[in-house]
Amino acid sequence: MRRPLPTLSALAALGLVLAGCAGQSWVKPGTDEAQMRADYRECVRLAQPAVERDARIESDIMSTRGDDYRRSGSMLTRREISDARTTGRQDDEVYSCMRSRGYALADQAQPAK
């Protein structure tokens, strides 16, 4: 059986996450901005399988429970929850990857002594 594609709202949320995270500044001693951006792009790429899997799961849930959500008037809320879960997964995966490479968010980095 073929799985449904992620919902348009999930894909839109993913796009917003990527745009938003790109504005974050990561720092690592001895690393220039070009290398940081390359590492960030690689972390986003590595996060994609987990994020896409979660988006498909959320899409499956919406497909099977959609009528229930519509009848109860909670469809919009459920979609927002689904989008937030996908966004959270993307953030978590990229954050963990960048931290594992020795980076810290610029606003969380310890000042040099």
PDB file of N, CA and C in Angstrom:
ATOM      1  N   MET A   1       0.835  -1.172   0.000  1.00  0.00           N
ATOM      2  CA  MET A   1       0.000   0.000   0.000  1.00  0.00           C
ATOM      3  C   MET A   1       0.889   1.249   0.000  1.00  0.00           C
ATOM      4  N   ARG A   2       0.558   2.191  -0.822  1.00  0.00           N
ATOM      5  CA  ARG A   2       1.345   3.407  -0.946  1.00  0.00           C
ATOM      6  C   ARG A   2       0.934   4.408   0.121  1.00  0.00           C
ATOM      7  N   ARG A   3       1.927   5.026   0.740  1.00  0.00           N
ATOM      8  CA  ARG A   3       1.662   6.007   1.792  1.00  0.00           C
ATOM      9  C   ARG A   3       1.331   7.342   1.165  1.00  0.00           C
ATOM     10  N   PRO A   4       0.424   8.113   1.785  1.00  0.00           N
ATOM     11  CA  PRO A   4       0.105   9.444   1.256  1.00  0.00           C
ATOM     12  C   PRO A   4       1.284  10.395   1.442  1.00  0.00           C
ATOM     13  N   LEU A   5       1.363  11.389   0.575  1.00  0.00           N
ATOM     14  CA  LEU A   5       2.410  12.389   0.691  1.00  0.00           C
ATOM     15  C   LEU A   5       2.124  13.303   1.871  1.00  0.00           C
ATOM     16  N   PRO A   6       3.170  13.961   2.406  1.00  0.00           N
ATOM     17  CA  PRO A   6       2.933  14.900   3.500  1.00  0.00           C
ATOM     18  C   PRO A   6       1.932  15.973   3.077  1.00  0.00           C
ATOM     19  N   THR A   7       1.175  16.468   4.030  1.00  0.00           N
ATOM     20  CA  THR A   7       0.188  17.497   3.733  1.00  0.00           C
ATOM     21  C   THR A   7       0.885  18.771   3.300  1.00  0.00           C
ATOM     22  N   LEU A   8       0.160  19.592   2.578  1.00  0.00           N
ATOM     23  CA  LEU A   8       0.700  20.861   2.141  1.00  0.00           C
ATOM     24  C   LEU A   8       1.092  21.709   3.344  1.00  0.00           C
ATOM     25  N   SER A   9       0.290  21.664   4.398  1.00  0.00           N
ATOM     26  CA  SER A   9       0.614  22.462   5.584  1.00  0.00           C
ATOM     27  C   SER A   9       1.902  21.974   6.236  1.00  0.00           C
ATOM     28  N   ALA A  10       2.150  20.660   6.234  1.00  0.00           N
ATOM     29  CA  ALA A  10       3.389  20.138   6.807  1.00  0.00           C
ATOM     30  C   ALA A  10       4.590  20.587   5.980  1.00  0.00           C
ATOM     31  N   LEU A  11       4.452  20.561   4.662  1.00  0.00           N
ATOM     32  CA  LEU A  11       5.548  21.003   3.808  1.00  0.00           C
ATOM     33  C   LEU A  11       5.793  22.500   3.962  1.00  0.00           C
ATOM     34  N   ALA A  12       4.715  23.278   4.104  1.00  0.00           N
ATOM     35  CA  ALA A  12       4.864  24.716   4.320  1.00  0.00           C
ATOM     36  C   ALA A  12       5.571  24.981   5.641  1.00  0.00           C
ATOM     37  N   ALA A  13       5.194  24.233   6.669  1.00  0.00           N
ATOM     38  CA  ALA A  13       5.836  24.396   7.974  1.00  0.00           C
ATOM     39  C   ALA A  13       7.319  24.065   7.881  1.00  0.00           C
ATOM     40  N   LEU A  14       7.639  23.020   7.148  1.00  0.00           N
ATOM     41  CA  LEU A  14       9.037  22.639   6.982  1.00  0.00           C
ATOM     42  C   LEU A  14       9.812  23.754   6.290  1.00  0.00           C
ATOM     43  N   GLY A  15       9.207  24.355   5.272  1.00  0.00           N
ATOM     44  CA  GLY A  15       9.851  25.480   4.586  1.00  0.00           C
ATOM     45  C   GLY A  15      10.099  26.648   5.519  1.00  0.00           C
ATOM     46  N   LEU A  16       9.121  26.939   6.383  1.00  0.00           N
ATOM     47  CA  LEU A  16       9.286  28.021   7.347  1.00  0.00           C
ATOM     48  C   LEU A  16      10.391  27.709   8.341  1.00  0.00           C
ATOM     49  N   VAL A  17      10.480  26.450   8.742  1.00  0.00           N
ATOM     50  CA  VAL A  17      11.529  26.045   9.678  1.00  0.00           C
ATOM     51  C   VAL A  17      12.889  26.274   9.047  1.00  0.00           C
ATOM     52  N   LEU A  18      13.035  25.837   7.820  1.00  0.00           N
ATOM     53  CA  LEU A  18      14.323  25.988   7.146  1.00  0.00           C
ATOM     54  C   LEU A  18      14.685  27.459   6.992  1.00  0.00           C
ATOM     55  N   ALA A  19      13.710  28.274   6.648  1.00  0.00           N
ATOM     56  CA  ALA A  19      13.965  29.703   6.506  1.00  0.00           C
ATOM     57  C   ALA A  19      14.313  30.325   7.851  1.00  0.00           C
ATOM     58  N   GLY A  20      13.598  29.945   8.897  1.00  0.00           N
ATOM     59  CA  GLY A  20      13.830  30.503  10.220  1.00  0.00           C
ATOM     60  C   GLY A  20      15.163  30.092  10.800  1.00  0.00           C
ATOM     61  N   CYS A  21      15.510  28.826  10.641  1.00  0.00           N
ATOM     62  CA  CYS A  21      16.764  28.337  11.204  1.00  0.00           C
ATOM     63  C   CYS A  21      17.962  28.922  10.487  1.00  0.00           C
ATOM     64  N   ALA A  22      17.799  29.221   9.209  1.00  0.00           N
ATOM     65  CA  ALA A  22      18.915  29.773   8.457  1.00  0.00           C
ATOM     66  C   ALA A  22      19.345  31.111   9.041  1.00  0.00           C
ATOM     67  N   GLY A  23      18.437  31.810   9.734  1.00  0.00           N
ATOM     68  CA  GLY A  23      18.754  33.078  10.349  1.00  0.00           C
ATOM     69  C   GLY A  23      19.491  32.927  11.671  1.00  0.00           C
ATOM     70  N   GLN A  24      19.514  31.724  12.229  1.00  0.00           N
ATOM     71  CA  GLN A  24      20.234  31.504  13.478  1.00  0.00           C
ATOM     72  C   GLN A  24      21.725  31.538  13.201  1.00  0.00           C
ATOM     73  N   SER A  25      22.457  32.054  14.160  1.00  0.00           N
ATOM     74  CA  SER A  25      23.902  32.124  14.008  1.00  0.00           C
ATOM     75  C   SER A  25      24.555  31.133  14.968  1.00  0.00           C
ATOM     76  N   TRP A  26      25.308  30.232  14.398  1.00  0.00           N
ATOM     77  CA  TRP A  26      26.042  29.237  15.170  1.00  0.00           C
ATOM     78  C   TRP A  26      27.503  29.652  15.206  1.00  0.00           C
ATOM     79  N   VAL A  27      28.171  29.358  16.308  1.00  0.00           N
ATOM     80  CA  VAL A  27      29.585  29.699  16.434  1.00  0.00           C
ATOM     81  C   VAL A  27      30.371  28.482  16.899  1.00  0.00           C
ATOM     82  N   LYS A  28      31.622  28.451  16.427  1.00  0.00           N
ATOM     83  CA  LYS A  28      32.565  27.406  16.824  1.00  0.00           C
ATOM     84  C   LYS A  28      33.953  28.018  16.678  1.00  0.00           C
ATOM     85  N   PRO A  29      34.732  27.988  17.733  1.00  0.00           N
ATOM     86  CA  PRO A  29      36.064  28.588  17.646  1.00  0.00           C
ATOM     87  C   PRO A  29      36.849  28.050  16.445  1.00  0.00           C
ATOM     88  N   GLY A  30      37.445  28.975  15.694  1.00  0.00           N
ATOM     89  CA  GLY A  30      38.277  28.596  14.562  1.00  0.00           C
ATOM     90  C   GLY A  30      37.509  28.267  13.287  1.00  0.00           C
ATOM     91  N   THR A  31      36.191  28.495  13.295  1.00  0.00           N
ATOM     92  CA  THR A  31      35.376  28.184  12.121  1.00  0.00           C
ATOM     93  C   THR A  31      34.795  29.470  11.549  1.00  0.00           C
ATOM     94  N   ASP A  32      34.953  29.660  10.241  1.00  0.00           N
ATOM     95  CA  ASP A  32      34.393  30.864   9.623  1.00  0.00           C
ATOM     96  C   ASP A  32      32.929  30.645   9.236  1.00  0.00           C
ATOM     97  N   GLU A  33      32.280  31.712   8.813  1.00  0.00           N
ATOM     98  CA  GLU A  33      30.850  31.648   8.503  1.00  0.00           C
ATOM     99  C   GLU A  33      30.549  30.709   7.336  1.00  0.00           C
ATOM    100  N   ALA A  34      31.421  30.671   6.354  1.00  0.00           N
ATOM    101  CA  ALA A  34      31.198  29.783   5.200  1.00  0.00           C
ATOM    102  C   ALA A  34      31.170  28.318   5.645  1.00  0.00           C
ATOM    103  N   GLN A  35      32.090  27.939   6.510  1.00  0.00           N
ATOM    104  CA  GLN A  35      32.107  26.562   7.003  1.00  0.00           C
ATOM    105  C   GLN A  35      30.888  26.279   7.870  1.00  0.00           C
ATOM    106  N   MET A  36      30.510  27.267   8.702  1.00  0.00           N
ATOM    107  CA  MET A  36      29.324  27.099   9.546  1.00  0.00           C
ATOM    108  C   MET A  36      28.090  26.860   8.669  1.00  0.00           C
ATOM    109  N   ARG A  37      27.943  27.649   7.622  1.00  0.00           N
ATOM    110  CA  ARG A  37      26.785  27.489   6.735  1.00  0.00           C
ATOM    111  C   ARG A  37      26.802  26.130   6.028  1.00  0.00           C
ATOM    112  N   ALA A  38      27.971  25.688   5.622  1.00  0.00           N
ATOM    113  CA  ALA A  38      28.086  24.370   4.981  1.00  0.00           C
ATOM    114  C   ALA A  38      27.703  23.266   5.969  1.00  0.00           C
ATOM    115  N   ASP A  39      28.187  23.368   7.203  1.00  0.00           N
ATOM    116  CA  ASP A  39      27.832  22.380   8.224  1.00  0.00           C
ATOM    117  C   ASP A  39      26.338  22.420   8.526  1.00  0.00           C
ATOM    118  N   TYR A  40      25.778  23.616   8.583  1.00  0.00           N
ATOM    119  CA  TYR A  40      24.347  23.762   8.842  1.00  0.00           C
ATOM    120  C   TYR A  40      23.531  23.092   7.727  1.00  0.00           C
ATOM    121  N   ARG A  41      23.897  23.362   6.483  1.00  0.00           N
ATOM    122  CA  ARG A  41      23.178  22.747   5.354  1.00  0.00           C
ATOM    123  C   ARG A  41      23.262  21.227   5.421  1.00  0.00           C
ATOM    124  N   GLU A  42      24.435  20.717   5.797  1.00  0.00           N
ATOM    125  CA  GLU A  42      24.598  19.274   5.918  1.00  0.00           C
ATOM    126  C   GLU A  42      23.709  18.723   7.043  1.00  0.00           C
ATOM    127  N   CYS A  43      23.621  19.444   8.150  1.00  0.00           N
ATOM    128  CA  CYS A  43      22.751  18.996   9.248  1.00  0.00           C
ATOM    129  C   CYS A  43      21.286  18.995   8.820  1.00  0.00           C
ATOM    130  N   VAL A  44      20.868  20.002   8.068  1.00  0.00           N
ATOM    131  CA  VAL A  44      19.494  20.033   7.559  1.00  0.00           C
ATOM    132  C   VAL A  44      19.261  18.836   6.646  1.00  0.00           C
ATOM    133  N   ARG A  45      20.231  18.543   5.780  1.00  0.00           N
ATOM    134  CA  ARG A  45      20.102  17.403   4.875  1.00  0.00           C
ATOM    135  C   ARG A  45      19.990  16.099   5.663  1.00  0.00           C
ATOM    136  N   LEU A  46      20.814  15.958   6.684  1.00  0.00           N
ATOM    137  CA  LEU A  46      20.785  14.734   7.491  1.00  0.00           C
ATOM    138  C   LEU A  46      19.490  14.600   8.287  1.00  0.00           C
ATOM    139  N   ALA A  47      18.859  15.717   8.617  1.00  0.00           N
ATOM    140  CA  ALA A  47      17.611  15.693   9.385  1.00  0.00           C
ATOM    141  C   ALA A  47      16.410  15.300   8.523  1.00  0.00           C
ATOM    142  N   GLN A  48      16.513  15.466   7.223  1.00  0.00           N
ATOM    143  CA  GLN A  48      15.362  15.269   6.340  1.00  0.00           C
ATOM    144  C   GLN A  48      14.681  13.909   6.458  1.00  0.00           C
ATOM    145  N   PRO A  49      15.399  12.795   6.502  1.00  0.00           N
ATOM    146  CA  PRO A  49      14.688  11.516   6.596  1.00  0.00           C
ATOM    147  C   PRO A  49      13.782  11.408   7.827  1.00  0.00           C
ATOM    148  N   ALA A  50      14.263  11.856   8.969  1.00  0.00           N
ATOM    149  CA  ALA A  50      13.445  11.788  10.191  1.00  0.00           C
ATOM    150  C   ALA A  50      12.259  12.738  10.106  1.00  0.00           C
ATOM    151  N   VAL A  51      12.486  13.928   9.577  1.00  0.00           N
ATOM    152  CA  VAL A  51      11.414  14.922   9.470  1.00  0.00           C
ATOM    153  C   VAL A  51      10.360  14.450   8.472  1.00  0.00           C
ATOM    154  N   GLU A  52      10.797  13.930   7.345  1.00  0.00           N
ATOM    155  CA  GLU A  52       9.849  13.435   6.339  1.00  0.00           C
ATOM    156  C   GLU A  52       9.062  12.243   6.864  1.00  0.00           C
ATOM    157  N   ARG A  53       9.722  11.356   7.604  1.00  0.00           N
ATOM    158  CA  ARG A  53       9.020  10.220   8.202  1.00  0.00           C
ATOM    159  C   ARG A  53       7.938  10.710   9.163  1.00  0.00           C
ATOM    160  N   ASP A  54       8.276  11.661  10.022  1.00  0.00           N
ATOM    161  CA  ASP A  54       7.296  12.193  10.961  1.00  0.00           C
ATOM    162  C   ASP A  54       6.161  12.902  10.239  1.00  0.00           C
ATOM    163  N   ALA A  55       6.466  13.623   9.169  1.00  0.00           N
ATOM    164  CA  ALA A  55       5.421  14.298   8.401  1.00  0.00           C
ATOM    165  C   ALA A  55       4.473  13.280   7.767  1.00  0.00           C
ATOM    166  N   ARG A  56       5.023  12.152   7.293  1.00  0.00           N
ATOM    167  CA  ARG A  56       4.160  11.100   6.722  1.00  0.00           C
ATOM    168  C   ARG A  56       3.281  10.476   7.800  1.00  0.00           C
ATOM    169  N   ILE A  57       3.830  10.279   8.986  1.00  0.00           N
ATOM    170  CA  ILE A  57       3.034   9.733  10.085  1.00  0.00           C
ATOM    171  C   ILE A  57       1.899  10.692  10.436  1.00  0.00           C
ATOM    172  N   GLU A  58       2.221  11.963  10.551  1.00  0.00           N
ATOM    173  CA  GLU A  58       1.185  12.959  10.852  1.00  0.00           C
ATOM    174  C   GLU A  58       0.132  12.992   9.748  1.00  0.00           C
ATOM    175  N   SER A  59       0.572  12.864   8.502  1.00  0.00           N
ATOM    176  CA  SER A  59      -0.366  12.841   7.381  1.00  0.00           C
ATOM    177  C   SER A  59      -1.283  11.624   7.458  1.00  0.00           C
ATOM    178  N   ASP A  60      -0.715  10.475   7.820  1.00  0.00           N
ATOM    179  CA  ASP A  60      -1.527   9.265   7.979  1.00  0.00           C
ATOM    180  C   ASP A  60      -2.579   9.448   9.070  1.00  0.00           C
ATOM    181  N   ILE A  61      -2.167  10.043  10.176  1.00  0.00           N
ATOM    182  CA  ILE A  61      -3.107  10.282  11.267  1.00  0.00           C
ATOM    183  C   ILE A  61      -4.229  11.202  10.803  1.00  0.00           C
ATOM    184  N   MET A  62      -3.870  12.270  10.098  1.00  0.00           N
ATOM    185  CA  MET A  62      -4.897  13.199   9.601  1.00  0.00           C
ATOM    186  C   MET A  62      -5.819  12.505   8.603  1.00  0.00           C
ATOM    187  N   SER A  63      -5.272  11.613   7.799  1.00  0.00           N
ATOM    188  CA  SER A  63      -6.096  10.908   6.811  1.00  0.00           C
ATOM    189  C   SER A  63      -7.088   9.963   7.478  1.00  0.00           C
ATOM    190  N   THR A  64      -6.632   9.264   8.501  1.00  0.00           N
ATOM    191  CA  THR A  64      -7.514   8.279   9.131  1.00  0.00           C
ATOM    192  C   THR A  64      -8.456   8.899  10.152  1.00  0.00           C
ATOM    193  N   ARG A  65      -8.060   9.988  10.768  1.00  0.00           N
ATOM    194  CA  ARG A  65      -8.888  10.606  11.804  1.00  0.00           C
ATOM    195  C   ARG A  65      -9.531  11.905  11.351  1.00  0.00           C
ATOM    196  N   GLY A  66      -9.301  12.300  10.099  1.00  0.00           N
ATOM    197  CA  GLY A  66      -9.796  13.576   9.591  1.00  0.00           C
ATOM    198  C   GLY A  66     -11.281  13.792   9.776  1.00  0.00           C
ATOM    199  N   ASP A  67     -12.095  12.763   9.484  1.00  0.00           N
ATOM    200  CA  ASP A  67     -13.547  12.911   9.649  1.00  0.00           C
ATOM    201  C   ASP A  67     -13.912  13.165  11.105  1.00  0.00           C
ATOM    202  N   ASP A  68     -13.235  12.466  12.013  1.00  0.00           N
ATOM    203  CA  ASP A  68     -13.489  12.689  13.436  1.00  0.00           C
ATOM    204  C   ASP A  68     -13.150  14.119  13.833  1.00  0.00           C
ATOM    205  N   TYR A  69     -12.018  14.608  13.350  1.00  0.00           N
ATOM    206  CA  TYR A  69     -11.596  15.963  13.689  1.00  0.00           C
ATOM    207  C   TYR A  69     -12.554  16.997  13.107  1.00  0.00           C
ATOM    208  N   ARG A  70     -13.026  16.769  11.880  1.00  0.00           N
ATOM    209  CA  ARG A  70     -13.974  17.703  11.270  1.00  0.00           C
ATOM    210  C   ARG A  70     -15.283  17.728  12.054  1.00  0.00           C
ATOM    211  N   ARG A  71     -15.780  16.541  12.411  1.00  0.00           N
ATOM    212  CA  ARG A  71     -17.043  16.475  13.160  1.00  0.00           C
ATOM    213  C   ARG A  71     -16.938  17.164  14.516  1.00  0.00           C
ATOM    214  N   SER A  72     -15.792  17.045  15.142  1.00  0.00           N
ATOM    215  CA  SER A  72     -15.626  17.644  16.470  1.00  0.00           C
ATOM    216  C   SER A  72     -15.228  19.118  16.396  1.00  0.00           C
ATOM    217  N   GLY A  73     -14.966  19.613  15.185  1.00  0.00           N
ATOM    218  CA  GLY A  73     -14.573  21.014  15.025  1.00  0.00           C
ATOM    219  C   GLY A  73     -13.127  21.287  15.417  1.00  0.00           C
ATOM    220  N   SER A  74     -12.314  20.250  15.473  1.00  0.00           N
ATOM    221  CA  SER A  74     -10.927  20.438  15.923  1.00  0.00           C
ATOM    222  C   SER A  74      -9.896  20.257  14.808  1.00  0.00           C
ATOM    223  N   MET A  75     -10.335  20.268  13.556  1.00  0.00           N
ATOM    224  CA  MET A  75      -9.422  20.022  12.434  1.00  0.00           C
ATOM    225  C   MET A  75      -8.280  21.043  12.399  1.00  0.00           C
ATOM    226  N   LEU A  76      -8.585  22.317  12.497  1.00  0.00           N
ATOM    227  CA  LEU A  76      -7.547  23.346  12.428  1.00  0.00           C
ATOM    228  C   LEU A  76      -6.552  23.179  13.577  1.00  0.00           C
ATOM    229  N   THR A  77      -7.053  22.928  14.762  1.00  0.00           N
ATOM    230  CA  THR A  77      -6.173  22.725  15.917  1.00  0.00           C
ATOM    231  C   THR A  77      -5.277  21.520  15.708  1.00  0.00           C
ATOM    232  N   ARG A  78      -5.851  20.430  15.212  1.00  0.00           N
ATOM    233  CA  ARG A  78      -5.053  19.225  14.966  1.00  0.00           C
ATOM    234  C   ARG A  78      -3.984  19.465  13.920  1.00  0.00           C
ATOM    235  N   ARG A  79      -4.301  20.232  12.881  1.00  0.00           N
ATOM    236  CA  ARG A  79      -3.291  20.537  11.854  1.00  0.00           C
ATOM    237  C   ARG A  79      -2.168  21.376  12.443  1.00  0.00           C
ATOM    238  N   GLU A  80      -2.522  22.338  13.289  1.00  0.00           N
ATOM    239  CA  GLU A  80      -1.506  23.169  13.918  1.00  0.00           C
ATOM    240  C   GLU A  80      -0.600  22.329  14.818  1.00  0.00           C
ATOM    241  N   ILE A  81      -1.193  21.387  15.542  1.00  0.00           N
ATOM    242  CA  ILE A  81      -0.410  20.486  16.386  1.00  0.00           C
ATOM    243  C   ILE A  81       0.524  19.642  15.523  1.00  0.00           C
ATOM    244  N   SER A  82       0.004  19.132  14.427  1.00  0.00           N
ATOM    245  CA  SER A  82       0.800  18.324  13.513  1.00  0.00           C
ATOM    246  C   SER A  82       1.973  19.130  12.957  1.00  0.00           C
ATOM    247  N   ASP A  83       1.701  20.353  12.529  1.00  0.00           N
ATOM    248  CA  ASP A  83       2.767  21.209  11.989  1.00  0.00           C
ATOM    249  C   ASP A  83       3.808  21.526  13.051  1.00  0.00           C
ATOM    250  N   ALA A  84       3.356  21.766  14.273  1.00  0.00           N
ATOM    251  CA  ALA A  84       4.290  22.069  15.362  1.00  0.00           C
ATOM    252  C   ALA A  84       5.185  20.867  15.660  1.00  0.00           C
ATOM    253  N   ARG A  85       4.633  19.679  15.593  1.00  0.00           N
ATOM    254  CA  ARG A  85       5.448  18.475  15.822  1.00  0.00           C
ATOM    255  C   ARG A  85       6.529  18.338  14.758  1.00  0.00           C
ATOM    256  N   THR A  86       6.157  18.570  13.513  1.00  0.00           N
ATOM    257  CA  THR A  86       7.121  18.481  12.417  1.00  0.00           C
ATOM    258  C   THR A  86       8.210  19.541  12.578  1.00  0.00           C
ATOM    259  N   THR A  87       7.802  20.752  12.902  1.00  0.00           N
ATOM    260  CA  THR A  87       8.754  21.838  13.112  1.00  0.00           C
ATOM    261  C   THR A  87       9.687  21.520  14.271  1.00  0.00           C
ATOM    262  N   GLY A  88       9.132  21.010  15.347  1.00  0.00           N
ATOM    263  CA  GLY A  88       9.946  20.663  16.511  1.00  0.00           C
ATOM    264  C   GLY A  88      10.964  19.588  16.197  1.00  0.00           C
ATOM    265  N   ARG A  89      10.561  18.616  15.399  1.00  0.00           N
ATOM    266  CA  ARG A  89      11.497  17.547  15.027  1.00  0.00           C
ATOM    267  C   ARG A  89      12.649  18.100  14.212  1.00  0.00           C
ATOM    268  N   GLN A  90      12.350  18.976  13.265  1.00  0.00           N
ATOM    269  CA  GLN A  90      13.393  19.595  12.442  1.00  0.00           C
ATOM    270  C   GLN A  90      14.362  20.359  13.338  1.00  0.00           C
ATOM    271  N   ASP A  91      13.831  21.179  14.213  1.00  0.00           N
ATOM    272  CA  ASP A  91      14.682  21.966  15.110  1.00  0.00           C
ATOM    273  C   ASP A  91      15.571  21.062  15.959  1.00  0.00           C
ATOM    274  N   ASP A  92      14.986  20.023  16.530  1.00  0.00           N
ATOM    275  CA  ASP A  92      15.734  19.106  17.391  1.00  0.00           C
ATOM    276  C   ASP A  92      16.857  18.404  16.643  1.00  0.00           C
ATOM    277  N   GLU A  93      16.549  17.923  15.456  1.00  0.00           N
ATOM    278  CA  GLU A  93      17.548  17.193  14.666  1.00  0.00           C
ATOM    279  C   GLU A  93      18.716  18.094  14.273  1.00  0.00           C
ATOM    280  N   VAL A  94      18.410  19.294  13.787  1.00  0.00           N
ATOM    281  CA  VAL A  94      19.467  20.208  13.352  1.00  0.00           C
ATOM    282  C   VAL A  94      20.283  20.671  14.559  1.00  0.00           C
ATOM    283  N   TYR A  95      19.611  20.996  15.651  1.00  0.00           N
ATOM    284  CA  TYR A  95      20.312  21.420  16.864  1.00  0.00           C
ATOM    285  C   TYR A  95      21.280  20.341  17.334  1.00  0.00           C
ATOM    286  N   SER A  96      20.808  19.116  17.418  1.00  0.00           N
ATOM    287  CA  SER A  96      21.667  18.012  17.871  1.00  0.00           C
ATOM    288  C   SER A  96      22.864  17.817  16.943  1.00  0.00           C
ATOM    289  N   CYS A  97      22.629  17.899  15.657  1.00  0.00           N
ATOM    290  CA  CYS A  97      23.709  17.725  14.680  1.00  0.00           C
ATOM    291  C   CYS A  97      24.758  18.828  14.832  1.00  0.00           C
ATOM    292  N   MET A  98      24.310  20.071  14.919  1.00  0.00           N
ATOM    293  CA  MET A  98      25.261  21.177  15.047  1.00  0.00           C
ATOM    294  C   MET A  98      26.026  21.093  16.364  1.00  0.00           C
ATOM    295  N   ARG A  99      25.347  20.740  17.432  1.00  0.00           N
ATOM    296  CA  ARG A  99      26.027  20.581  18.730  1.00  0.00           C
ATOM    297  C   ARG A  99      27.068  19.460  18.654  1.00  0.00           C
ATOM    298  N   SER A 100      26.725  18.359  17.952  1.00  0.00           N
ATOM    299  CA  SER A 100      27.665  17.241  17.842  1.00  0.00           C
ATOM    300  C   SER A 100      28.908  17.623  17.039  1.00  0.00           C
ATOM    301  N   ARG A 101      28.798  18.658  16.247  1.00  0.00           N
ATOM    302  CA  ARG A 101      29.942  19.147  15.470  1.00  0.00           C
ATOM    303  C   ARG A 101      30.721  20.230  16.212  1.00  0.00           C
ATOM    304  N   GLY A 102      30.303  20.509  17.441  1.00  0.00           N
ATOM    305  CA  GLY A 102      31.036  21.462  18.264  1.00  0.00           C
ATOM    306  C   GLY A 102      30.534  22.889  18.215  1.00  0.00           C
ATOM    307  N   TYR A 103      29.387  23.129  17.607  1.00  0.00           N
ATOM    308  CA  TYR A 103      28.838  24.482  17.508  1.00  0.00           C
ATOM    309  C   TYR A 103      27.942  24.792  18.702  1.00  0.00           C
ATOM    310  N   ALA A 104      27.784  26.087  18.954  1.00  0.00           N
ATOM    311  CA  ALA A 104      26.815  26.574  19.932  1.00  0.00           C
ATOM    312  C   ALA A 104      26.065  27.715  19.258  1.00  0.00           C
ATOM    313  N   LEU A 105      24.815  27.921  19.656  1.00  0.00           N
ATOM    314  CA  LEU A 105      24.081  29.078  19.145  1.00  0.00           C
ATOM    315  C   LEU A 105      24.798  30.334  19.641  1.00  0.00           C
ATOM    316  N   ALA A 106      24.902  31.329  18.780  1.00  0.00           N
ATOM    317  CA  ALA A 106      25.670  32.538  19.109  1.00  0.00           C
ATOM    318  C   ALA A 106      25.173  33.182  20.398  1.00  0.00           C
ATOM    319  N   ASP A 107      23.861  33.201  20.614  1.00  0.00           N
ATOM    320  CA  ASP A 107      23.334  33.852  21.808  1.00  0.00           C
ATOM    321  C   ASP A 107      23.501  32.983  23.061  1.00  0.00           C
ATOM    322  N   GLN A 108      23.965  31.732  22.896  1.00  0.00           N
ATOM    323  CA  GLN A 108      24.194  30.854  24.027  1.00  0.00           C
ATOM    324  C   GLN A 108      25.680  30.571  24.250  1.00  0.00           C
ATOM    325  N   ALA A 109      26.509  31.090  23.356  1.00  0.00           N
ATOM    326  CA  ALA A 109      27.952  30.812  23.441  1.00  0.00           C
ATOM    327  C   ALA A 109      28.545  31.536  24.645  1.00  0.00           C
ATOM    328  N   GLN A 110      29.522  30.916  25.260  1.00  0.00           N
ATOM    329  CA  GLN A 110      30.222  31.502  26.402  1.00  0.00           C
ATOM    330  C   GLN A 110      31.179  32.564  25.884  1.00  0.00           C
ATOM    331  N   PRO A 111      31.183  33.738  26.505  1.00  0.00           N
ATOM    332  CA  PRO A 111      32.149  34.754  26.070  1.00  0.00           C
ATOM    333  C   PRO A 111      33.581  34.301  26.356  1.00  0.00           C
ATOM    334  N   ALA A 112      34.491  34.724  25.500  1.00  0.00           N
ATOM    335  CA  ALA A 112      35.913  34.381  25.682  1.00  0.00           C
ATOM    336  C   ALA A 112      36.444  35.040  26.950  1.00  0.00           C
ATOM    337  N   LYS A 113      37.301  34.322  27.654  1.00  0.00           N
ATOM    338  CA  LYS A 113      37.875  34.860  28.903  1.00  0.00           C
ATOM    339  C   LYS A 113      39.271  35.363  28.669  1.00  0.00           C
TER     340      LYS A 113
END
